[in-house]
């Protein structure tokens, strides 16, 4: 699926970027050009980024879900 039509970036490319070390939407912008033009893809790119991180680190995501807001730094 195309995530960024302006720069022809696909969901698969985002998943590959995460495998190569991308951690934030800014990394995706720097590496792939996501959100560099109109910006309408930013929310979809962020969702794909989260999905890719969940696939890469399933135990970490499960652990983060179990943490309370105080443990995550919220007051």
Protein backbone atom coordinates (compact mmCIF):
# COMPACT_ATOMS: atom_id res chain seq x y z
CA UNK A 1 0.00 0.00 0.00
CA UNK A 2 1.23 3.50 -0.77
CA UNK A 3 1.58 5.60 2.36
CA UNK A 4 3.07 8.73 0.76
CA UNK A 5 1.74 9.35 -2.72
CA UNK A 6 3.86 12.48 -3.22
CA UNK A 7 7.09 10.51 -2.89
CA UNK A 8 5.76 7.04 -3.82
CA UNK A 9 6.65 5.53 -0.44
CA UNK A 10 5.07 2.20 0.42
CA UNK A 11 4.29 0.49 3.69
CA UNK A 12 6.90 -2.12 2.79
CA UNK A 13 9.57 0.59 2.47
CA UNK A 14 8.67 1.92 5.91
CA UNK A 15 8.98 -1.55 7.42
CA UNK A 16 12.38 -1.93 5.73
CA UNK A 17 13.48 1.47 7.05
CA UNK A 18 12.60 0.32 10.58
CA UNK A 19 14.66 -2.82 10.05
CA UNK A 20 17.51 -0.51 9.02
CA UNK A 21 17.18 1.56 12.19
CA UNK A 22 14.47 4.19 11.64
CA UNK A 23 12.80 5.00 14.94
CA UNK A 24 10.78 8.16 14.32
CA UNK A 25 8.72 9.83 11.61
CA UNK A 26 11.59 12.31 11.24
CA UNK A 27 13.87 9.38 10.38
CA UNK A 28 11.33 8.29 7.75
CA UNK A 29 11.25 11.82 6.36
CA UNK A 30 15.04 11.95 6.17
CA UNK A 31 15.40 8.47 4.66
CA UNK A 32 12.32 8.20 2.43
CA UNK A 33 10.84 11.68 2.07
CA UNK A 34 7.65 10.77 3.95
CA UNK A 35 5.70 13.92 4.80
CA UNK A 36 8.16 16.21 3.03
CA UNK A 37 5.64 17.51 0.52
CA UNK A 38 1.97 17.90 1.52
CA UNK A 39 2.19 16.13 4.91
CA UNK A 40 -1.13 14.30 4.57
CA UNK A 41 0.62 10.95 5.00
CA UNK A 42 2.14 11.71 8.42
CA UNK A 43 -0.53 9.98 10.51
CA UNK A 44 -0.53 6.88 8.29
CA UNK A 45 3.28 6.82 8.30
CA UNK A 46 3.27 7.03 12.10
CA UNK A 47 0.84 4.10 12.30
CA UNK A 48 3.02 2.04 9.93
CA UNK A 49 6.08 2.95 11.99
CA UNK A 50 4.39 1.74 15.20
CA UNK A 51 3.28 -1.46 13.47
CA UNK A 52 6.78 -2.13 12.17
CA UNK A 53 8.29 -1.54 15.63
CA UNK A 54 5.72 -3.91 17.15
CA UNK A 55 6.73 -6.60 14.66
CA UNK A 56 10.44 -6.03 15.33
CA UNK A 57 10.11 -5.94 19.13
CA UNK A 58 6.91 -7.78 20.19
CA UNK A 59 8.06 -8.28 23.80
CA UNK A 60 8.87 -4.61 24.26
CA UNK A 61 5.43 -3.48 23.05
CA UNK A 62 3.74 -5.94 25.40
CA UNK A 63 5.89 -4.65 28.28
CA UNK A 64 5.09 -0.99 27.49
CA UNK A 65 1.37 -1.75 27.51
CA UNK A 66 1.72 -3.18 31.02
CA UNK A 67 3.52 -0.11 32.43
CA UNK A 68 1.57 2.47 34.37
CA UNK A 69 1.65 6.18 33.35
CA UNK A 70 3.98 6.91 36.30
CA UNK A 71 6.44 4.27 35.08
CA UNK A 72 6.37 5.87 31.64
CA UNK A 73 7.26 9.29 33.06
CA UNK A 74 3.79 10.89 33.12
CA UNK A 75 2.85 12.65 36.32
